[in-house]
Amino acid sequence: MFRICFFEPRIAGNTGSAIRLAAATGSELHLVDPLFDLEDTKLRRAGLDYHDLAVVTVHADLDAAWDHLLPARVFAFTAQAERVYTDVRYRPGDVLLFGPEPTGLPGEVMDDPRVTDRLRLPMLPGRRSMNLANCASVAVYEAWRQHSFGLDTVDP
């Protein structure tokens, strides 16, 4: 379906929540090193018993992730983007790329020619940021919604 990519995530609980998101939506979760210990208790607690239900791949670096994920459209999520995440018609296989807490994606990643577009989630002015797992959830559910949540629609 859709692929979530966390570039160098820092907070185990957010990644655990993303594991649950991947399991619940049939998305893949891709993690780019360096990251925390995957046996971290916060990650295990947040992911609960969803670890066996989710497709999670760890990549040694961003180049290794590109080798695995491309060719695909890659949408980098950043507060600095002009385009809003709902302006995109998502396709299965699209990559939704998110940066580490609390800094977000570095410029060299956002400027990478393999990034198709930059997108943002609207927020009220003066707010710092949303939780990483929450941002991924908003984006994945919009992409999934555009595809009827993978359900066959039947006219009544």
N, C-alpha and C. Protein backbone atom coordinates (compact mmCIF):
# COMPACT_ATOMS: atom_id res chain seq x y z
N MET A 1 0.86 -1.18 0.00
CA MET A 1 0.00 0.00 0.00
C MET A 1 0.90 1.24 0.00
N PHE A 2 1.01 1.92 1.12
CA PHE A 2 1.85 3.12 1.21
C PHE A 2 3.05 2.82 2.09
N ARG A 3 4.10 3.60 1.90
CA ARG A 3 5.33 3.36 2.64
C ARG A 3 5.70 4.60 3.44
N ILE A 4 5.85 4.41 4.73
CA ILE A 4 6.25 5.46 5.65
C ILE A 4 7.75 5.30 5.85
N CYS A 5 8.49 6.40 5.77
CA CYS A 5 9.93 6.33 6.01
C CYS A 5 10.29 7.37 7.07
N PHE A 6 10.85 6.91 8.17
CA PHE A 6 11.37 7.79 9.23
C PHE A 6 12.88 7.87 9.06
N PHE A 7 13.36 9.07 8.72
CA PHE A 7 14.78 9.32 8.59
C PHE A 7 15.36 9.61 9.97
N GLU A 8 16.21 8.73 10.46
CA GLU A 8 16.91 8.88 11.73
C GLU A 8 16.00 9.26 12.90
N PRO A 9 14.96 8.49 13.17
CA PRO A 9 14.07 8.82 14.28
C PRO A 9 14.79 8.79 15.62
N ARG A 10 14.36 9.62 16.54
CA ARG A 10 15.04 9.75 17.83
C ARG A 10 14.21 9.23 19.01
N ILE A 11 12.90 9.20 18.88
CA ILE A 11 12.04 8.87 20.02
C ILE A 11 11.39 7.51 19.78
N ALA A 12 11.76 6.56 20.61
CA ALA A 12 11.29 5.18 20.45
C ALA A 12 9.77 5.07 20.48
N GLY A 13 9.13 5.82 21.34
CA GLY A 13 7.67 5.74 21.44
C GLY A 13 6.97 6.14 20.16
N ASN A 14 7.50 7.14 19.46
CA ASN A 14 6.91 7.54 18.18
C ASN A 14 7.05 6.42 17.15
N THR A 15 8.19 5.78 17.13
CA THR A 15 8.38 4.68 16.19
C THR A 15 7.49 3.50 16.55
N GLY A 16 7.32 3.24 17.84
CA GLY A 16 6.39 2.19 18.26
C GLY A 16 4.98 2.48 17.80
N SER A 17 4.57 3.73 17.91
CA SER A 17 3.23 4.11 17.42
C SER A 17 3.14 3.96 15.91
N ALA A 18 4.23 4.25 15.20
CA ALA A 18 4.24 4.09 13.75
C ALA A 18 4.17 2.61 13.36
N ILE A 19 4.72 1.74 14.19
CA ILE A 19 4.59 0.30 13.94
C ILE A 19 3.11 -0.10 14.02
N ARG A 20 2.41 0.42 15.01
CA ARG A 20 0.97 0.16 15.12
C ARG A 20 0.23 0.71 13.91
N LEU A 21 0.60 1.92 13.47
CA LEU A 21 -0.01 2.53 12.29
C LEU A 21 0.21 1.65 11.06
N ALA A 22 1.43 1.18 10.87
CA ALA A 22 1.72 0.33 9.72
C ALA A 22 0.90 -0.95 9.77
N ALA A 23 0.79 -1.55 10.94
CA ALA A 23 0.01 -2.78 11.08
C ALA A 23 -1.46 -2.53 10.80
N ALA A 24 -1.98 -1.42 11.29
CA ALA A 24 -3.42 -1.13 11.16
C ALA A 24 -3.82 -0.75 9.74
N THR A 25 -2.88 -0.20 8.97
CA THR A 25 -3.22 0.30 7.64
C THR A 25 -2.64 -0.54 6.50
N GLY A 26 -1.83 -1.51 6.83
CA GLY A 26 -1.18 -2.30 5.79
C GLY A 26 -0.04 -1.56 5.11
N SER A 27 0.42 -0.50 5.73
CA SER A 27 1.56 0.26 5.21
C SER A 27 2.86 -0.43 5.62
N GLU A 28 3.93 -0.05 4.94
CA GLU A 28 5.26 -0.50 5.34
C GLU A 28 5.92 0.64 6.11
N LEU A 29 6.72 0.29 7.10
CA LEU A 29 7.49 1.28 7.84
C LEU A 29 8.97 1.04 7.55
N HIS A 30 9.64 2.09 7.07
CA HIS A 30 11.07 2.03 6.79
C HIS A 30 11.78 3.00 7.73
N LEU A 31 12.82 2.50 8.38
CA LEU A 31 13.58 3.29 9.35
C LEU A 31 15.01 3.42 8.84
N VAL A 32 15.52 4.65 8.85
CA VAL A 32 16.88 4.90 8.38
C VAL A 32 17.78 5.14 9.59
N ASP A 33 18.84 4.32 9.70
CA ASP A 33 19.84 4.49 10.77
C ASP A 33 20.54 5.82 10.63
N PRO A 34 21.10 6.34 11.73
CA PRO A 34 21.14 5.73 13.05
C PRO A 34 19.82 5.93 13.79
N LEU A 35 19.52 4.96 14.62
CA LEU A 35 18.36 5.05 15.49
C LEU A 35 18.64 4.35 16.79
N PHE A 36 17.70 4.38 17.66
CA PHE A 36 17.80 3.80 19.01
C PHE A 36 17.77 2.28 18.94
N ASP A 37 17.94 1.65 20.06
CA ASP A 37 17.86 0.19 20.17
C ASP A 37 16.43 -0.25 19.90
N LEU A 38 16.25 -1.11 18.92
CA LEU A 38 14.90 -1.57 18.57
C LEU A 38 14.27 -2.44 19.66
N GLU A 39 15.03 -2.80 20.65
CA GLU A 39 14.48 -3.54 21.79
C GLU A 39 14.08 -2.60 22.91
N ASP A 40 14.17 -1.29 22.69
CA ASP A 40 13.82 -0.28 23.68
C ASP A 40 12.43 -0.56 24.24
N THR A 41 12.29 -0.48 25.56
CA THR A 41 11.00 -0.78 26.19
C THR A 41 9.91 0.20 25.78
N LYS A 42 10.26 1.46 25.51
CA LYS A 42 9.25 2.44 25.07
C LYS A 42 8.72 2.07 23.69
N LEU A 43 9.60 1.61 22.82
CA LEU A 43 9.17 1.17 21.50
C LEU A 43 8.26 -0.05 21.63
N ARG A 44 8.69 -1.01 22.44
CA ARG A 44 7.91 -2.24 22.61
C ARG A 44 6.54 -1.92 23.20
N ARG A 45 6.50 -1.03 24.19
CA ARG A 45 5.23 -0.68 24.83
C ARG A 45 4.30 0.03 23.85
N ALA A 46 4.83 0.99 23.08
CA ALA A 46 4.00 1.74 22.13
C ALA A 46 3.52 0.84 21.00
N GLY A 47 4.36 -0.11 20.59
CA GLY A 47 3.97 -1.01 19.51
C GLY A 47 3.13 -2.17 19.98
N LEU A 48 3.09 -2.38 21.30
CA LEU A 48 2.35 -3.48 21.92
C LEU A 48 2.57 -4.78 21.15
N ASP A 49 1.51 -5.43 20.78
CA ASP A 49 1.66 -6.72 20.10
C ASP A 49 1.53 -6.59 18.58
N TYR A 50 1.82 -5.42 18.05
CA TYR A 50 1.68 -5.19 16.62
C TYR A 50 2.96 -5.48 15.83
N HIS A 51 4.05 -5.73 16.52
CA HIS A 51 5.33 -5.93 15.83
C HIS A 51 5.26 -7.05 14.81
N ASP A 52 4.58 -8.12 15.13
CA ASP A 52 4.49 -9.25 14.20
C ASP A 52 3.52 -8.99 13.06
N LEU A 53 2.70 -7.96 13.17
CA LEU A 53 1.70 -7.65 12.15
C LEU A 53 2.15 -6.56 11.19
N ALA A 54 3.29 -5.95 11.48
CA ALA A 54 3.76 -4.82 10.67
C ALA A 54 4.98 -5.22 9.85
N VAL A 55 5.10 -4.59 8.69
CA VAL A 55 6.29 -4.75 7.86
C VAL A 55 7.22 -3.59 8.19
N VAL A 56 8.34 -3.90 8.84
CA VAL A 56 9.30 -2.89 9.26
C VAL A 56 10.66 -3.26 8.69
N THR A 57 11.29 -2.31 8.00
CA THR A 57 12.61 -2.53 7.42
C THR A 57 13.54 -1.43 7.92
N VAL A 58 14.71 -1.83 8.38
CA VAL A 58 15.73 -0.88 8.82
C VAL A 58 16.80 -0.80 7.73
N HIS A 59 17.15 0.44 7.36
CA HIS A 59 18.15 0.69 6.32
C HIS A 59 19.38 1.32 6.97
N ALA A 60 20.55 0.92 6.54
CA ALA A 60 21.81 1.39 7.11
C ALA A 60 22.00 2.90 6.92
N ASP A 61 21.48 3.43 5.84
CA ASP A 61 21.58 4.86 5.56
C ASP A 61 20.54 5.21 4.50
N LEU A 62 20.47 6.49 4.15
CA LEU A 62 19.45 6.93 3.21
C LEU A 62 19.67 6.34 1.82
N ASP A 63 20.91 6.19 1.40
CA ASP A 63 21.16 5.58 0.09
C ASP A 63 20.61 4.16 0.03
N ALA A 64 20.78 3.41 1.11
CA ALA A 64 20.24 2.04 1.15
C ALA A 64 18.72 2.07 1.10
N ALA A 65 18.11 3.05 1.76
CA ALA A 65 16.64 3.18 1.70
C ALA A 65 16.21 3.50 0.27
N TRP A 66 16.91 4.45 -0.39
CA TRP A 66 16.56 4.79 -1.77
C TRP A 66 16.65 3.55 -2.65
N ASP A 67 17.72 2.76 -2.48
CA ASP A 67 17.90 1.55 -3.29
C ASP A 67 16.71 0.61 -3.14
N HIS A 68 16.14 0.55 -1.96
CA HIS A 68 15.02 -0.35 -1.68
C HIS A 68 13.68 0.25 -2.13
N LEU A 69 13.51 1.56 -1.93
CA LEU A 69 12.20 2.20 -2.13
C LEU A 69 11.94 2.69 -3.55
N LEU A 70 12.99 3.02 -4.27
CA LEU A 70 12.81 3.60 -5.60
C LEU A 70 12.77 2.51 -6.67
N PRO A 71 12.12 2.73 -7.80
CA PRO A 71 11.48 3.99 -8.17
C PRO A 71 10.11 4.14 -7.49
N ALA A 72 9.87 5.26 -6.98
CA ALA A 72 8.59 5.61 -6.36
C ALA A 72 8.57 7.12 -6.20
N ARG A 73 7.40 7.64 -5.99
CA ARG A 73 7.31 9.06 -5.65
C ARG A 73 7.61 9.18 -4.16
N VAL A 74 8.39 10.20 -3.81
CA VAL A 74 8.78 10.43 -2.43
C VAL A 74 8.30 11.81 -2.02
N PHE A 75 7.48 11.85 -0.98
CA PHE A 75 6.96 13.12 -0.45
C PHE A 75 7.61 13.39 0.90
N ALA A 76 8.38 14.47 0.95
CA ALA A 76 9.07 14.87 2.17
C ALA A 76 8.16 15.82 2.95
N PHE A 77 7.88 15.48 4.18
CA PHE A 77 7.02 16.30 5.02
C PHE A 77 7.86 17.26 5.84
N THR A 78 7.52 18.56 5.72
CA THR A 78 8.26 19.61 6.39
C THR A 78 7.35 20.81 6.63
N ALA A 79 7.56 21.48 7.73
CA ALA A 79 6.79 22.69 8.04
C ALA A 79 7.11 23.82 7.07
N GLN A 80 8.23 23.73 6.36
CA GLN A 80 8.63 24.79 5.44
C GLN A 80 8.01 24.67 4.05
N ALA A 81 7.25 23.63 3.80
CA ALA A 81 6.67 23.43 2.47
C ALA A 81 5.51 24.38 2.22
N GLU A 82 5.31 24.70 0.96
CA GLU A 82 4.16 25.51 0.54
C GLU A 82 2.94 24.64 0.28
N ARG A 83 3.17 23.48 -0.29
CA ARG A 83 2.08 22.59 -0.70
C ARG A 83 1.54 21.81 0.50
N VAL A 84 0.22 21.68 0.58
CA VAL A 84 -0.43 20.98 1.67
C VAL A 84 -0.63 19.51 1.28
N TYR A 85 -0.52 18.62 2.26
CA TYR A 85 -0.58 17.18 2.02
C TYR A 85 -1.87 16.72 1.33
N THR A 86 -2.95 17.46 1.46
CA THR A 86 -4.22 17.08 0.82
C THR A 86 -4.27 17.48 -0.65
N ASP A 87 -3.26 18.20 -1.14
CA ASP A 87 -3.21 18.61 -2.54
C ASP A 87 -2.69 17.51 -3.47
N VAL A 88 -2.30 16.39 -2.90
CA VAL A 88 -1.68 15.30 -3.67
C VAL A 88 -2.69 14.18 -3.89
N ARG A 89 -2.66 13.62 -5.10
CA ARG A 89 -3.39 12.37 -5.38
C ARG A 89 -2.39 11.25 -5.19
N TYR A 90 -2.48 10.58 -4.05
CA TYR A 90 -1.51 9.55 -3.70
C TYR A 90 -1.75 8.28 -4.50
N ARG A 91 -0.64 7.56 -4.72
CA ARG A 91 -0.69 6.28 -5.41
C ARG A 91 -0.10 5.21 -4.50
N PRO A 92 -0.61 4.00 -4.57
CA PRO A 92 0.01 2.92 -3.81
C PRO A 92 1.50 2.85 -4.16
N GLY A 93 2.31 2.64 -3.13
CA GLY A 93 3.75 2.60 -3.31
C GLY A 93 4.44 3.92 -3.03
N ASP A 94 3.68 5.02 -2.93
CA ASP A 94 4.28 6.30 -2.59
C ASP A 94 4.99 6.20 -1.24
N VAL A 95 6.06 6.98 -1.12
CA VAL A 95 6.85 7.04 0.11
C VAL A 95 6.54 8.36 0.81
N LEU A 96 6.17 8.28 2.07
CA LEU A 96 5.90 9.45 2.90
C LEU A 96 7.08 9.57 3.87
N LEU A 97 7.94 10.57 3.64
CA LEU A 97 9.21 10.70 4.33
C LEU A 97 9.13 11.75 5.43
N PHE A 98 9.55 11.37 6.63
CA PHE A 98 9.50 12.25 7.80
C PHE A 98 10.87 12.30 8.45
N GLY A 99 11.20 13.46 9.02
CA GLY A 99 12.50 13.65 9.66
C GLY A 99 12.47 13.39 11.14
N PRO A 100 13.64 13.47 11.75
CA PRO A 100 13.76 13.16 13.17
C PRO A 100 13.16 14.24 14.06
N GLU A 101 12.76 13.80 15.23
CA GLU A 101 12.31 14.72 16.25
C GLU A 101 13.55 15.29 16.92
N PRO A 102 13.68 16.50 17.21
CA PRO A 102 12.76 17.61 16.98
C PRO A 102 13.15 18.48 15.78
N THR A 103 14.14 18.07 14.99
CA THR A 103 14.69 18.95 13.97
C THR A 103 14.01 18.86 12.61
N GLY A 104 13.39 17.74 12.31
CA GLY A 104 12.82 17.54 10.98
C GLY A 104 13.89 17.14 9.99
N LEU A 105 13.50 17.06 8.74
CA LEU A 105 14.42 16.63 7.69
C LEU A 105 15.49 17.70 7.45
N PRO A 106 16.76 17.27 7.34
CA PRO A 106 17.81 18.25 7.01
C PRO A 106 17.68 18.70 5.56
N GLY A 107 18.22 19.86 5.26
CA GLY A 107 18.14 20.44 3.93
C GLY A 107 18.63 19.53 2.83
N GLU A 108 19.73 18.80 3.08
CA GLU A 108 20.27 17.94 2.03
C GLU A 108 19.33 16.80 1.68
N VAL A 109 18.49 16.38 2.62
CA VAL A 109 17.50 15.34 2.32
C VAL A 109 16.34 15.95 1.54
N MET A 110 15.84 17.10 1.99
CA MET A 110 14.72 17.74 1.29
C MET A 110 15.11 18.16 -0.13
N ASP A 111 16.38 18.51 -0.33
CA ASP A 111 16.85 18.95 -1.64
C ASP A 111 17.29 17.79 -2.53
N ASP A 112 17.25 16.59 -2.02
CA ASP A 112 17.67 15.42 -2.80
C ASP A 112 16.80 15.32 -4.05
N PRO A 113 17.40 15.12 -5.22
CA PRO A 113 16.61 15.06 -6.45
C PRO A 113 15.63 13.88 -6.49
N ARG A 114 15.78 12.91 -5.60
CA ARG A 114 14.85 11.78 -5.57
C ARG A 114 13.56 12.12 -4.82
N VAL A 115 13.54 13.27 -4.15
CA VAL A 115 12.32 13.73 -3.48
C VAL A 115 11.42 14.38 -4.52
N THR A 116 10.22 13.85 -4.65
CA THR A 116 9.26 14.33 -5.64
C THR A 116 8.72 15.70 -5.29
N ASP A 117 8.36 15.87 -4.01
CA ASP A 117 7.74 17.12 -3.57
C ASP A 117 7.85 17.22 -2.07
N ARG A 118 7.72 18.45 -1.58
CA ARG A 118 7.66 18.72 -0.15
C ARG A 118 6.22 19.04 0.21
N LEU A 119 5.78 18.51 1.34
CA LEU A 119 4.41 18.73 1.78
C LEU A 119 4.40 19.15 3.25
N ARG A 120 3.32 19.83 3.63
CA ARG A 120 3.18 20.23 5.03
C ARG A 120 1.79 19.89 5.53
N LEU A 121 1.70 19.75 6.83
CA LEU A 121 0.41 19.63 7.51
C LEU A 121 0.10 21.01 8.08
N PRO A 122 -1.06 21.58 7.77
CA PRO A 122 -1.36 22.92 8.30
C PRO A 122 -1.44 22.91 9.82
N MET A 123 -0.96 23.98 10.41
CA MET A 123 -1.03 24.18 11.86
C MET A 123 -1.30 25.66 12.12
N LEU A 124 -1.78 25.96 13.29
CA LEU A 124 -1.96 27.35 13.66
C LEU A 124 -0.60 28.04 13.74
N PRO A 125 -0.55 29.33 13.40
CA PRO A 125 0.72 30.07 13.46
C PRO A 125 1.30 30.03 14.88
N GLY A 126 2.63 30.00 14.94
CA GLY A 126 3.32 30.07 16.22
C GLY A 126 3.45 28.74 16.95
N ARG A 127 2.94 27.68 16.37
CA ARG A 127 3.07 26.35 16.99
C ARG A 127 4.36 25.71 16.48
N ARG A 128 5.04 24.98 17.37
CA ARG A 128 6.32 24.38 17.01
C ARG A 128 6.16 23.24 16.01
N SER A 129 5.50 22.18 16.43
CA SER A 129 5.35 21.03 15.56
C SER A 129 4.38 20.04 16.19
N MET A 130 3.98 19.08 15.38
CA MET A 130 3.15 17.99 15.89
C MET A 130 4.04 16.79 16.15
N ASN A 131 3.53 15.86 16.92
CA ASN A 131 4.21 14.60 17.19
C ASN A 131 4.44 13.86 15.88
N LEU A 132 5.62 13.25 15.74
CA LEU A 132 5.99 12.56 14.51
C LEU A 132 5.00 11.47 14.13
N ALA A 133 4.62 10.63 15.07
CA ALA A 133 3.68 9.54 14.77
C ALA A 133 2.32 10.10 14.37
N ASN A 134 1.91 11.21 14.99
CA ASN A 134 0.63 11.82 14.61
C ASN A 134 0.69 12.36 13.18
N CYS A 135 1.80 12.99 12.81
CA CYS A 135 1.95 13.49 11.44
C CYS A 135 1.88 12.35 10.44
N ALA A 136 2.59 11.28 10.72
CA ALA A 136 2.56 10.12 9.82
C ALA A 136 1.14 9.57 9.71
N SER A 137 0.43 9.52 10.82
CA SER A 137 -0.95 9.00 10.81
C SER A 137 -1.86 9.86 9.94
N VAL A 138 -1.77 11.17 10.09
CA VAL A 138 -2.60 12.06 9.28
C VAL A 138 -2.33 11.82 7.80
N ALA A 139 -1.06 11.76 7.43
CA ALA A 139 -0.70 11.60 6.02
C ALA A 139 -1.11 10.24 5.47
N VAL A 140 -0.85 9.17 6.22
CA VAL A 140 -1.19 7.83 5.75
C VAL A 140 -2.70 7.68 5.61
N TYR A 141 -3.45 8.19 6.56
CA TYR A 141 -4.90 8.05 6.47
C TYR A 141 -5.48 8.86 5.32
N GLU A 142 -4.89 9.99 4.98
CA GLU A 142 -5.35 10.73 3.80
C GLU A 142 -5.07 9.93 2.54
N ALA A 143 -3.86 9.40 2.42
CA ALA A 143 -3.53 8.59 1.24
C ALA A 143 -4.45 7.37 1.16
N TRP A 144 -4.67 6.73 2.27
CA TRP A 144 -5.50 5.53 2.31
C TRP A 144 -6.96 5.87 2.01
N ARG A 145 -7.43 7.01 2.55
CA ARG A 145 -8.81 7.47 2.30
C ARG A 145 -9.06 7.65 0.82
N GLN A 146 -8.07 8.21 0.12
CA GLN A 146 -8.21 8.43 -1.32
C GLN A 146 -8.38 7.13 -2.08
N HIS A 147 -8.05 6.03 -1.45
CA HIS A 147 -8.19 4.71 -2.07
C HIS A 147 -9.23 3.87 -1.33
N SER A 148 -10.23 4.57 -0.79
CA SER A 148 -11.39 3.94 -0.10
C SER A 148 -10.94 2.98 1.00
N PHE A 149 -9.82 3.30 1.63
CA PHE A 149 -9.30 2.48 2.73
C PHE A 149 -9.09 1.03 2.32
N GLY A 150 -8.88 0.82 1.03
CA GLY A 150 -8.64 -0.53 0.54
C GLY A 150 -9.88 -1.40 0.49
N LEU A 151 -11.03 -0.80 0.74
CA LEU A 151 -12.30 -1.53 0.74
C LEU A 151 -12.99 -1.37 -0.60
N ASP A 152 -13.65 -2.41 -1.05
CA ASP A 152 -14.47 -2.30 -2.25
C ASP A 152 -15.71 -1.51 -1.88
N THR A 153 -16.01 -0.51 -2.67
CA THR A 153 -17.22 0.25 -2.41
C THR A 153 -18.36 -0.32 -3.23
N VAL A 154 -19.48 -0.47 -2.58
CA VAL A 154 -20.66 -1.03 -3.24
C VAL A 154 -21.78 -0.02 -3.12
N ASP A 155 -22.43 0.27 -4.23
CA ASP A 155 -23.57 1.19 -4.19
C ASP A 155 -24.72 0.51 -3.46
N PRO A 156 -25.43 1.26 -2.58
CA PRO A 156 -26.57 0.65 -1.87
C PRO A 156 -27.73 0.37 -2.81
